[in-house]
Amino acid sequence: MSDADEVVTHELVIQRLAGEMFRAAVWAALGTFAVGVVVSTVIWGTEGLYGSLIGGVIAIASSLATLLLMRKTAALDPMFVMVAALGGFMGKLIVLLLAVILLRGQDWLEPKALGITLVATVLVTSFLEARASKRSRSQMVVPASEGT
């Protein structure tokens, strides 16, 4: 069976899209994280290093969790996939807000380094994921659903 003979399903489209989004964002996210760590360490020293490390790890983990959620819900009804995507986005915002609130008063890290690295990494990752989704070939196919 060749790729042309492959039956296109909603699950396959979502799986491909998640893969394309991951490939588009992974290196830029890691690069943004690395730049944040270096710049924060130069400006704020050890406290900046710790803050930017925590911010970058949280940002990358939340972005990976969103893509994992897409993959895990791909076999479900399209409406549930959209609900899961919205829930994942809301969960990401809550995690980011909680991290900033809980780590705000810590003396051993610089909150500005945490916030800047976290926001920069999330923005770069989200932008590239959205761009990959817009450019994706897989969205040009509307798979047939059962009963139609």
Protein backbone atom coordinates (compact mmCIF):
# COMPACT_ATOMS: atom_id res chain seq x y z
CA MET A 1 0.00 0.00 0.00
CA SER A 2 1.56 3.32 -1.04
CA ASP A 3 0.98 6.75 0.50
CA ALA A 4 -1.46 7.56 -2.29
CA ASP A 5 -3.54 4.50 -1.37
CA GLU A 6 -3.61 5.38 2.32
CA VAL A 7 -7.08 6.07 3.67
CA VAL A 8 -7.21 9.61 5.01
CA THR A 9 -8.98 9.79 8.34
CA HIS A 10 -9.47 12.57 10.84
CA GLU A 11 -7.06 10.82 13.19
CA LEU A 12 -4.34 10.68 10.55
CA VAL A 13 -4.81 14.36 9.68
CA ILE A 14 -4.48 15.39 13.34
CA GLN A 15 -1.45 13.14 13.85
CA ARG A 16 0.28 14.66 10.81
CA LEU A 17 -0.60 18.17 11.91
CA ALA A 18 0.83 17.59 15.40
CA GLY A 19 4.03 16.27 13.84
CA GLU A 20 4.32 19.25 11.51
CA MET A 21 3.74 21.66 14.39
CA PHE A 22 6.38 19.92 16.51
CA ARG A 23 8.98 19.99 13.72
CA ALA A 24 8.29 23.66 13.02
CA ALA A 25 8.68 24.79 16.62
CA VAL A 26 11.22 22.53 18.34
CA TRP A 27 14.51 24.14 17.26
CA ALA A 28 13.25 27.70 17.57
CA ALA A 29 11.90 26.97 21.06
CA LEU A 30 15.20 25.46 22.16
CA GLY A 31 17.09 28.38 20.62
CA THR A 32 14.89 30.93 22.36
CA PHE A 33 15.37 29.05 25.62
CA ALA A 34 19.16 29.02 25.17
CA VAL A 35 19.30 32.74 24.35
CA GLY A 36 17.13 33.47 27.38
CA VAL A 37 19.45 31.48 29.64
CA VAL A 38 22.61 33.16 28.32
CA VAL A 39 21.22 36.71 28.39
CA SER A 40 19.65 36.26 31.84
CA THR A 41 22.87 34.83 33.25
CA VAL A 42 24.89 37.74 31.86
CA ILE A 43 22.46 40.36 33.20
CA TRP A 44 21.40 38.85 36.57
CA GLY A 45 24.02 36.20 37.33
CA THR A 46 23.11 32.95 39.05
CA GLU A 47 19.63 34.15 39.98
CA GLY A 48 18.99 34.95 36.31
CA LEU A 49 20.26 31.52 35.30
CA TYR A 50 17.87 29.76 37.68
CA GLY A 51 14.93 31.96 36.69
CA SER A 52 15.44 31.49 32.98
CA LEU A 53 16.01 27.75 33.32
CA ILE A 54 12.74 27.34 35.19
CA GLY A 55 10.84 29.62 32.80
CA GLY A 56 12.17 27.88 29.71
CA VAL A 57 11.51 24.38 31.02
CA ILE A 58 7.93 25.29 31.95
CA ALA A 59 7.32 26.88 28.54
CA ILE A 60 8.72 23.98 26.55
CA ALA A 61 6.96 21.39 28.71
CA SER A 62 3.61 23.13 28.31
CA SER A 63 4.05 23.35 24.54
CA LEU A 64 4.96 19.66 24.33
CA ALA A 65 1.95 18.81 26.49
CA THR A 66 -0.33 20.61 24.03
CA LEU A 67 1.05 18.61 21.09
CA LEU A 68 0.82 15.38 23.09
CA LEU A 69 -2.80 16.20 23.87
CA MET A 70 -3.45 16.60 20.13
CA ARG A 71 -1.93 13.20 19.42
CA LYS A 72 -3.83 11.46 22.24
CA THR A 73 -7.22 12.88 21.24
CA ALA A 74 -6.80 12.48 17.46
CA ALA A 75 -8.98 9.36 17.35
CA LEU A 76 -11.90 11.12 19.03
CA ASP A 77 -14.71 13.03 17.38
CA PRO A 78 -13.48 16.34 15.88
CA MET A 79 -15.57 18.32 18.36
CA PHE A 80 -13.83 16.61 21.28
CA VAL A 81 -10.44 17.33 19.70
CA MET A 82 -11.33 21.03 19.62
CA VAL A 83 -12.54 20.90 23.24
CA ALA A 84 -9.28 19.19 24.24
CA ALA A 85 -7.26 21.83 22.36
CA LEU A 86 -9.11 24.64 24.13
CA GLY A 87 -8.69 22.84 27.46
CA GLY A 88 -4.99 22.39 26.77
CA PHE A 89 -4.62 26.09 25.98
CA MET A 90 -6.44 27.06 29.17
CA GLY A 91 -4.34 24.57 31.14
CA LYS A 92 -1.18 26.10 29.68
CA LEU A 93 -2.26 29.58 30.74
CA ILE A 94 -3.09 28.39 34.25
CA VAL A 95 0.27 26.62 34.63
CA LEU A 96 2.16 29.68 33.41
CA LEU A 97 0.21 31.97 35.75
CA LEU A 98 0.71 29.67 38.74
CA ALA A 99 4.44 29.39 38.06
CA VAL A 100 4.86 33.14 37.98
CA ILE A 101 2.74 33.64 41.11
CA LEU A 102 4.36 30.86 43.15
CA LEU A 103 7.93 31.73 42.21
CA ARG A 104 7.55 35.51 42.39
CA GLY A 105 8.92 36.05 45.90
CA GLN A 106 11.87 33.64 45.76
CA ASP A 107 15.28 35.16 46.56
CA TRP A 108 17.25 32.49 44.73
CA LEU A 109 15.88 33.36 41.28
CA GLU A 110 15.24 36.47 39.24
CA PRO A 111 11.52 36.78 38.42
CA LYS A 112 12.20 39.00 35.40
CA ALA A 113 14.44 36.31 33.89
CA LEU A 114 11.78 33.68 34.55
CA GLY A 115 9.03 35.79 33.01
CA ILE A 116 10.96 36.99 29.98
CA THR A 117 12.28 33.55 29.07
CA LEU A 118 8.90 31.93 29.70
CA VAL A 119 6.94 34.46 27.63
CA ALA A 120 9.50 34.60 24.81
CA THR A 121 9.62 30.82 24.49
CA VAL A 122 5.83 30.45 24.59
CA LEU A 123 5.34 33.21 22.02
CA VAL A 124 7.94 31.80 19.61
CA THR A 125 6.59 28.28 19.99
CA SER A 126 2.95 29.32 19.62
CA PHE A 127 3.68 31.47 16.58
CA LEU A 128 5.58 28.70 14.81
CA GLU A 129 2.94 26.09 15.68
CA ALA A 130 0.21 28.37 14.31
CA ARG A 131 2.23 29.06 11.16
CA ALA A 132 2.82 25.34 10.66
CA SER A 133 -0.89 24.70 11.11
CA LYS A 134 -1.77 27.37 8.55
CA ARG A 135 0.76 26.03 6.03
CA SER A 136 -0.11 22.40 6.64
CA ARG A 137 -1.10 20.33 3.63
CA SER A 138 -3.08 18.01 5.85
CA GLN A 139 -5.80 20.59 6.46
CA MET A 140 -6.60 20.77 2.77
CA VAL A 141 -8.16 17.33 2.97
CA VAL A 142 -11.55 16.97 4.58
CA PRO A 143 -11.74 13.32 5.53
CA ALA A 144 -15.02 11.52 5.11
CA SER A 145 -16.70 10.63 8.36
CA GLU A 146 -18.76 7.57 9.08
CA GLY A 147 -22.32 7.75 7.86
CA THR A 148 -21.68 10.21 5.02
